[in-house]
N, C-alpha and C. Protein backbone atom coordinates (compact mmCIF):
# COMPACT_ATOMS: atom_id res chain seq x y z
N MET A 1 -67.38 -26.66 -26.78
CA MET A 1 -68.44 -27.34 -26.08
C MET A 1 -69.34 -28.07 -27.08
N THR A 2 -69.64 -27.38 -28.18
CA THR A 2 -70.52 -28.04 -29.16
C THR A 2 -69.85 -29.27 -29.74
N THR A 3 -68.54 -29.20 -29.94
CA THR A 3 -67.81 -30.35 -30.45
C THR A 3 -67.86 -31.50 -29.46
N ALA A 4 -67.68 -31.18 -28.16
CA ALA A 4 -67.74 -32.21 -27.13
C ALA A 4 -69.12 -32.84 -27.06
N LEU A 5 -70.15 -32.02 -27.16
CA LEU A 5 -71.52 -32.53 -27.14
C LEU A 5 -71.80 -33.38 -28.38
N ALA A 6 -71.37 -32.90 -29.54
CA ALA A 6 -71.60 -33.63 -30.79
C ALA A 6 -70.86 -34.96 -30.78
N ALA A 7 -69.72 -35.01 -30.10
CA ALA A 7 -68.93 -36.25 -30.05
C ALA A 7 -69.50 -37.23 -29.02
N GLY A 8 -70.58 -36.82 -28.37
CA GLY A 8 -71.20 -37.73 -27.40
C GLY A 8 -70.64 -37.59 -26.00
N GLY A 9 -70.08 -36.44 -25.71
CA GLY A 9 -69.53 -36.21 -24.37
C GLY A 9 -70.61 -36.24 -23.32
N GLN A 10 -70.21 -36.54 -22.11
CA GLN A 10 -71.14 -36.60 -20.99
C GLN A 10 -71.69 -35.20 -20.72
N LEU A 11 -72.99 -35.03 -20.87
CA LEU A 11 -73.62 -33.73 -20.68
C LEU A 11 -73.39 -33.20 -19.27
N LYS A 12 -73.55 -34.04 -18.25
CA LYS A 12 -73.36 -33.61 -16.87
C LYS A 12 -71.93 -33.12 -16.65
N THR A 13 -70.96 -33.83 -17.17
CA THR A 13 -69.56 -33.44 -17.01
C THR A 13 -69.30 -32.09 -17.67
N ILE A 14 -69.83 -31.90 -18.86
CA ILE A 14 -69.64 -30.64 -19.58
C ILE A 14 -70.32 -29.49 -18.83
N LEU A 15 -71.54 -29.71 -18.35
CA LEU A 15 -72.25 -28.68 -17.59
C LEU A 15 -71.52 -28.35 -16.29
N ASP A 16 -70.99 -29.36 -15.61
CA ASP A 16 -70.23 -29.12 -14.38
C ASP A 16 -68.99 -28.27 -14.68
N GLY A 17 -68.34 -28.55 -15.80
CA GLY A 17 -67.17 -27.76 -16.20
C GLY A 17 -67.54 -26.31 -16.46
N ILE A 18 -68.67 -26.10 -17.12
CA ILE A 18 -69.14 -24.73 -17.40
C ILE A 18 -69.43 -24.01 -16.09
N LYS A 19 -70.11 -24.69 -15.16
CA LYS A 19 -70.43 -24.08 -13.86
C LYS A 19 -69.16 -23.73 -13.08
N ASP A 20 -68.16 -24.62 -13.12
CA ASP A 20 -66.89 -24.35 -12.44
C ASP A 20 -66.23 -23.10 -13.00
N ARG A 21 -66.22 -22.97 -14.31
CA ARG A 21 -65.59 -21.81 -14.93
C ARG A 21 -66.36 -20.53 -14.65
N GLU A 22 -67.68 -20.63 -14.58
CA GLU A 22 -68.48 -19.46 -14.23
C GLU A 22 -68.20 -19.02 -12.80
N ARG A 23 -68.05 -19.98 -11.87
CA ARG A 23 -67.70 -19.64 -10.49
C ARG A 23 -66.32 -18.99 -10.42
N GLU A 24 -65.36 -19.53 -11.16
CA GLU A 24 -64.01 -18.95 -11.19
C GLU A 24 -64.05 -17.53 -11.74
N ARG A 25 -64.82 -17.32 -12.80
CA ARG A 25 -64.92 -15.99 -13.40
C ARG A 25 -65.55 -14.99 -12.42
N GLU A 26 -66.59 -15.42 -11.69
CA GLU A 26 -67.22 -14.55 -10.71
C GLU A 26 -66.26 -14.22 -9.57
N GLN A 27 -65.47 -15.21 -9.15
CA GLN A 27 -64.48 -14.97 -8.09
C GLN A 27 -63.42 -13.97 -8.58
N CYS A 28 -63.02 -14.09 -9.83
CA CYS A 28 -62.05 -13.12 -10.39
C CYS A 28 -62.64 -11.72 -10.41
N ARG A 29 -63.90 -11.61 -10.78
CA ARG A 29 -64.56 -10.29 -10.78
C ARG A 29 -64.58 -9.68 -9.38
N LYS A 30 -64.91 -10.50 -8.37
CA LYS A 30 -64.94 -10.02 -6.98
C LYS A 30 -63.54 -9.59 -6.53
N THR A 31 -62.56 -10.37 -6.89
CA THR A 31 -61.18 -10.04 -6.51
C THR A 31 -60.75 -8.73 -7.14
N LEU A 32 -61.04 -8.56 -8.43
CA LEU A 32 -60.68 -7.32 -9.12
C LEU A 32 -61.41 -6.11 -8.51
N ALA A 33 -62.67 -6.28 -8.16
CA ALA A 33 -63.42 -5.19 -7.54
C ALA A 33 -62.79 -4.83 -6.20
N GLY A 34 -62.38 -5.84 -5.44
CA GLY A 34 -61.72 -5.59 -4.16
C GLY A 34 -60.40 -4.87 -4.33
N LEU A 35 -59.65 -5.23 -5.35
CA LEU A 35 -58.38 -4.55 -5.61
C LEU A 35 -58.61 -3.10 -6.02
N ASP A 36 -59.66 -2.86 -6.80
CA ASP A 36 -60.00 -1.48 -7.16
C ASP A 36 -60.30 -0.66 -5.91
N ARG A 37 -61.08 -1.24 -4.98
CA ARG A 37 -61.40 -0.52 -3.73
C ARG A 37 -60.15 -0.26 -2.90
N MET A 38 -59.22 -1.22 -2.89
CA MET A 38 -57.97 -1.01 -2.14
C MET A 38 -57.18 0.14 -2.72
N GLY A 39 -57.13 0.22 -4.05
CA GLY A 39 -56.40 1.30 -4.70
C GLY A 39 -56.99 2.65 -4.39
N GLU A 40 -58.32 2.71 -4.26
CA GLU A 40 -58.98 3.96 -3.91
C GLU A 40 -58.77 4.31 -2.45
N ALA A 41 -58.77 3.29 -1.58
CA ALA A 41 -58.65 3.52 -0.14
C ALA A 41 -57.20 3.80 0.27
N MET A 42 -56.25 3.26 -0.47
CA MET A 42 -54.83 3.43 -0.14
C MET A 42 -54.09 3.97 -1.35
N PRO A 43 -54.14 5.26 -1.60
CA PRO A 43 -53.41 5.79 -2.75
C PRO A 43 -51.91 5.54 -2.58
N LEU A 44 -51.25 5.40 -3.69
CA LEU A 44 -49.82 5.09 -3.70
C LEU A 44 -49.01 6.28 -3.21
N ASP A 45 -48.21 6.08 -2.19
CA ASP A 45 -47.35 7.12 -1.63
C ASP A 45 -45.97 6.97 -2.26
N LEU A 46 -45.71 7.70 -3.33
CA LEU A 46 -44.46 7.56 -4.08
C LEU A 46 -43.25 7.93 -3.24
N GLN A 47 -43.37 8.92 -2.38
CA GLN A 47 -42.23 9.32 -1.56
C GLN A 47 -41.87 8.19 -0.59
N ARG A 48 -42.88 7.60 0.04
CA ARG A 48 -42.62 6.49 0.96
C ARG A 48 -42.03 5.29 0.22
N LEU A 49 -42.54 5.04 -0.98
CA LEU A 49 -42.03 3.95 -1.80
C LEU A 49 -40.56 4.17 -2.13
N GLU A 50 -40.20 5.40 -2.52
CA GLU A 50 -38.81 5.69 -2.85
C GLU A 50 -37.90 5.51 -1.63
N VAL A 51 -38.33 5.99 -0.47
CA VAL A 51 -37.53 5.84 0.75
C VAL A 51 -37.33 4.36 1.07
N ASN A 52 -38.40 3.57 0.94
CA ASN A 52 -38.33 2.15 1.23
C ASN A 52 -37.37 1.44 0.27
N LEU A 53 -37.48 1.75 -1.02
CA LEU A 53 -36.60 1.11 -2.01
C LEU A 53 -35.14 1.52 -1.81
N ARG A 54 -34.90 2.79 -1.51
CA ARG A 54 -33.53 3.24 -1.27
C ARG A 54 -32.93 2.52 -0.05
N ALA A 55 -33.74 2.33 0.97
CA ALA A 55 -33.26 1.62 2.16
C ALA A 55 -32.92 0.17 1.81
N ARG A 56 -33.75 -0.47 1.01
CA ARG A 56 -33.46 -1.85 0.60
C ARG A 56 -32.19 -1.92 -0.24
N LEU A 57 -32.01 -0.96 -1.14
CA LEU A 57 -30.79 -0.96 -1.96
C LEU A 57 -29.56 -0.72 -1.11
N THR A 58 -29.67 0.17 -0.12
CA THR A 58 -28.55 0.41 0.78
C THR A 58 -28.23 -0.85 1.57
N ASP A 59 -29.26 -1.52 2.07
CA ASP A 59 -29.05 -2.79 2.78
C ASP A 59 -28.35 -3.80 1.89
N TRP A 60 -28.79 -3.89 0.64
CA TRP A 60 -28.19 -4.85 -0.28
C TRP A 60 -26.74 -4.49 -0.56
N HIS A 61 -26.47 -3.21 -0.74
CA HIS A 61 -25.10 -2.77 -1.01
C HIS A 61 -24.19 -3.15 0.16
N GLY A 62 -24.66 -2.94 1.40
CA GLY A 62 -23.88 -3.33 2.57
C GLY A 62 -23.68 -4.82 2.64
N LEU A 63 -24.73 -5.60 2.31
CA LEU A 63 -24.62 -7.05 2.29
C LEU A 63 -23.61 -7.51 1.26
N ALA A 64 -23.61 -6.85 0.10
CA ALA A 64 -22.67 -7.23 -0.97
C ALA A 64 -21.23 -7.07 -0.49
N LYS A 65 -20.96 -6.06 0.30
CA LYS A 65 -19.61 -5.86 0.82
C LYS A 65 -19.27 -6.89 1.90
N ARG A 66 -20.26 -7.24 2.73
CA ARG A 66 -20.00 -8.15 3.84
C ARG A 66 -19.99 -9.62 3.42
N SER A 67 -20.86 -10.00 2.48
CA SER A 67 -21.01 -11.40 2.13
C SER A 67 -21.16 -11.55 0.62
N VAL A 68 -20.08 -11.82 -0.03
CA VAL A 68 -20.06 -11.95 -1.49
C VAL A 68 -20.97 -13.11 -1.95
N VAL A 69 -20.95 -14.21 -1.21
CA VAL A 69 -21.74 -15.38 -1.60
C VAL A 69 -23.24 -15.05 -1.60
N GLN A 70 -23.72 -14.41 -0.53
CA GLN A 70 -25.14 -14.04 -0.48
C GLN A 70 -25.47 -12.99 -1.54
N ALA A 71 -24.57 -12.07 -1.76
CA ALA A 71 -24.81 -11.03 -2.78
C ALA A 71 -24.96 -11.67 -4.16
N ARG A 72 -24.14 -12.66 -4.46
CA ARG A 72 -24.25 -13.34 -5.75
C ARG A 72 -25.60 -14.05 -5.88
N GLN A 73 -26.08 -14.65 -4.78
CA GLN A 73 -27.38 -15.32 -4.82
C GLN A 73 -28.49 -14.31 -5.11
N ILE A 74 -28.39 -13.13 -4.49
CA ILE A 74 -29.40 -12.09 -4.72
C ILE A 74 -29.38 -11.65 -6.18
N VAL A 75 -28.19 -11.43 -6.72
CA VAL A 75 -28.06 -11.00 -8.12
C VAL A 75 -28.68 -12.05 -9.03
N ARG A 76 -28.42 -13.33 -8.75
CA ARG A 76 -29.01 -14.40 -9.58
C ARG A 76 -30.53 -14.34 -9.56
N LYS A 77 -31.11 -14.03 -8.40
CA LYS A 77 -32.57 -13.96 -8.31
C LYS A 77 -33.14 -12.75 -9.05
N LEU A 78 -32.36 -11.69 -9.15
CA LEU A 78 -32.84 -10.48 -9.80
C LEU A 78 -32.60 -10.51 -11.31
N LEU A 79 -31.70 -11.36 -11.76
CA LEU A 79 -31.40 -11.43 -13.19
C LEU A 79 -32.41 -12.27 -13.94
N VAL A 80 -32.70 -11.83 -15.15
CA VAL A 80 -33.49 -12.62 -16.08
C VAL A 80 -32.51 -13.01 -17.18
N GLY A 81 -32.11 -14.26 -17.20
CA GLY A 81 -31.10 -14.69 -18.17
C GLY A 81 -29.70 -14.44 -17.65
N ARG A 82 -28.79 -14.16 -18.54
CA ARG A 82 -27.37 -14.02 -18.19
C ARG A 82 -26.88 -12.60 -18.41
N LEU A 83 -25.81 -12.27 -17.70
CA LEU A 83 -25.09 -11.03 -17.95
C LEU A 83 -24.08 -11.28 -19.05
N ILE A 84 -23.92 -10.31 -19.93
CA ILE A 84 -22.94 -10.42 -21.01
C ILE A 84 -21.88 -9.34 -20.78
N PHE A 85 -20.64 -9.78 -20.62
CA PHE A 85 -19.52 -8.87 -20.41
C PHE A 85 -18.77 -8.68 -21.73
N ARG A 86 -18.40 -7.43 -22.00
CA ARG A 86 -17.67 -7.13 -23.22
C ARG A 86 -16.50 -6.21 -22.85
N ARG A 87 -15.32 -6.61 -23.26
CA ARG A 87 -14.13 -5.80 -22.99
C ARG A 87 -14.18 -4.55 -23.85
N MET A 88 -13.88 -3.41 -23.24
CA MET A 88 -13.86 -2.14 -23.95
C MET A 88 -12.47 -1.96 -24.56
N PRO A 89 -12.37 -2.00 -25.89
CA PRO A 89 -11.05 -1.96 -26.53
C PRO A 89 -10.30 -0.65 -26.29
N GLU A 90 -11.02 0.45 -26.12
CA GLU A 90 -10.34 1.73 -25.96
C GLU A 90 -9.78 1.95 -24.55
N GLU A 91 -10.24 1.16 -23.59
CA GLU A 91 -9.75 1.31 -22.22
C GLU A 91 -9.35 -0.05 -21.67
N PRO A 92 -8.08 -0.26 -21.39
CA PRO A 92 -7.64 -1.55 -20.87
C PRO A 92 -8.25 -1.81 -19.49
N LYS A 93 -8.53 -3.06 -19.21
CA LYS A 93 -9.10 -3.51 -17.94
C LYS A 93 -10.48 -2.91 -17.65
N THR A 94 -11.19 -2.51 -18.70
CA THR A 94 -12.53 -1.96 -18.53
C THR A 94 -13.50 -2.82 -19.32
N TYR A 95 -14.61 -3.15 -18.65
CA TYR A 95 -15.62 -4.00 -19.27
C TYR A 95 -16.98 -3.32 -19.19
N GLU A 96 -17.79 -3.62 -20.18
CA GLU A 96 -19.18 -3.18 -20.20
C GLU A 96 -20.01 -4.44 -20.04
N PHE A 97 -21.07 -4.36 -19.24
CA PHE A 97 -21.93 -5.53 -19.15
C PHE A 97 -23.38 -5.13 -19.40
N THR A 98 -24.10 -6.06 -20.01
CA THR A 98 -25.51 -5.86 -20.30
C THR A 98 -26.29 -7.09 -19.85
N GLY A 99 -27.54 -6.88 -19.58
CA GLY A 99 -28.40 -7.98 -19.17
C GLY A 99 -29.77 -7.45 -18.81
N GLN A 100 -30.67 -8.35 -18.54
CA GLN A 100 -32.02 -7.98 -18.13
C GLN A 100 -32.22 -8.42 -16.69
N GLY A 101 -32.97 -7.60 -15.96
CA GLY A 101 -33.27 -7.93 -14.58
C GLY A 101 -34.69 -7.59 -14.24
N THR A 102 -35.08 -8.00 -13.06
CA THR A 102 -36.42 -7.70 -12.56
C THR A 102 -36.29 -7.21 -11.12
N LEU A 103 -37.07 -6.22 -10.79
CA LEU A 103 -37.08 -5.70 -9.42
C LEU A 103 -38.25 -6.27 -8.63
N GLU A 104 -38.95 -7.21 -9.22
CA GLU A 104 -40.14 -7.77 -8.59
C GLU A 104 -39.85 -8.27 -7.18
N ARG A 105 -38.79 -9.07 -7.02
CA ARG A 105 -38.49 -9.63 -5.70
C ARG A 105 -37.96 -8.56 -4.75
N LEU A 106 -37.27 -7.57 -5.29
CA LEU A 106 -36.74 -6.50 -4.46
C LEU A 106 -37.87 -5.63 -3.94
N MET A 107 -38.89 -5.41 -4.78
CA MET A 107 -39.99 -4.51 -4.42
C MET A 107 -41.13 -5.21 -3.70
N ALA A 108 -41.09 -6.52 -3.59
CA ALA A 108 -42.19 -7.26 -2.96
C ALA A 108 -42.49 -6.69 -1.58
N GLY A 109 -43.73 -6.32 -1.36
CA GLY A 109 -44.14 -5.81 -0.07
C GLY A 109 -43.93 -4.32 0.12
N THR A 110 -43.43 -3.60 -0.88
CA THR A 110 -43.16 -2.18 -0.68
C THR A 110 -44.34 -1.30 -1.02
N VAL A 111 -45.18 -1.69 -1.96
CA VAL A 111 -46.26 -0.82 -2.39
C VAL A 111 -47.40 -0.82 -1.39
N LEU A 112 -47.85 -2.00 -1.01
CA LEU A 112 -48.93 -2.12 -0.03
C LEU A 112 -48.47 -3.08 1.07
N PRO A 113 -47.54 -2.66 1.93
CA PRO A 113 -46.94 -3.59 2.87
C PRO A 113 -47.88 -4.09 3.96
N ASN A 114 -48.98 -3.40 4.25
CA ASN A 114 -49.84 -3.80 5.36
C ASN A 114 -51.16 -4.42 4.94
N VAL A 115 -51.32 -4.72 3.66
CA VAL A 115 -52.57 -5.32 3.20
C VAL A 115 -52.53 -6.80 3.51
N LEU A 116 -53.60 -7.29 4.12
CA LEU A 116 -53.69 -8.70 4.44
C LEU A 116 -54.32 -9.44 3.28
N VAL A 117 -53.78 -10.59 2.94
CA VAL A 117 -54.34 -11.40 1.86
C VAL A 117 -55.38 -12.31 2.46
N SER A 118 -56.56 -12.32 1.88
CA SER A 118 -57.65 -13.13 2.42
C SER A 118 -57.79 -14.43 1.64
N PRO A 119 -58.35 -15.45 2.28
CA PRO A 119 -58.58 -16.71 1.56
C PRO A 119 -59.59 -16.52 0.45
N THR A 120 -59.60 -17.45 -0.48
CA THR A 120 -60.52 -17.40 -1.60
C THR A 120 -61.96 -17.33 -1.09
N GLY A 121 -62.73 -16.41 -1.67
CA GLY A 121 -64.13 -16.27 -1.29
C GLY A 121 -64.40 -15.15 -0.33
N PHE A 122 -63.36 -14.51 0.19
CA PHE A 122 -63.53 -13.39 1.11
C PHE A 122 -62.99 -12.14 0.48
N GLU A 123 -63.55 -11.01 0.88
CA GLU A 123 -63.10 -9.72 0.37
C GLU A 123 -61.75 -9.38 0.98
N PRO A 124 -60.88 -8.67 0.28
CA PRO A 124 -59.60 -8.25 0.85
C PRO A 124 -59.83 -7.36 2.07
N VAL A 125 -58.90 -7.41 3.01
CA VAL A 125 -59.00 -6.65 4.24
C VAL A 125 -57.98 -5.52 4.20
N LEU A 126 -58.44 -4.30 4.41
CA LEU A 126 -57.54 -3.15 4.45
C LEU A 126 -57.08 -2.92 5.86
N PRO A 127 -55.85 -2.44 6.06
CA PRO A 127 -55.38 -2.14 7.41
C PRO A 127 -56.19 -1.00 8.01
N ALA A 128 -56.32 -1.02 9.33
CA ALA A 128 -57.10 0.02 10.02
C ALA A 128 -56.38 1.34 10.03
């Protein structure tokens, strides 16, 4: 900011930018406070989460058997980068594969499935 001011920058423009960032920071603080309250009001039910994830994996396994094309699309979305296949020399027709994946898309909606997302400027709404 001092460099911009020293270079003859428009004071009003610089002040408006500072005010915008202060508003954004305050909105972030409010959002974080709301998320903290949600965590206190809705403790994580690990057993329910496990049941939900197992059901999703079972559904995916069934889909993989029924529709290879859709299963491949799902695998592509869950992979980060590529799978690397390596033939196992000690066992013919056996391969080992390695790769990185993410469960983010698989788990979406499982932790807090009934929380409503509110527009910017409003507090989060918890289910009744």
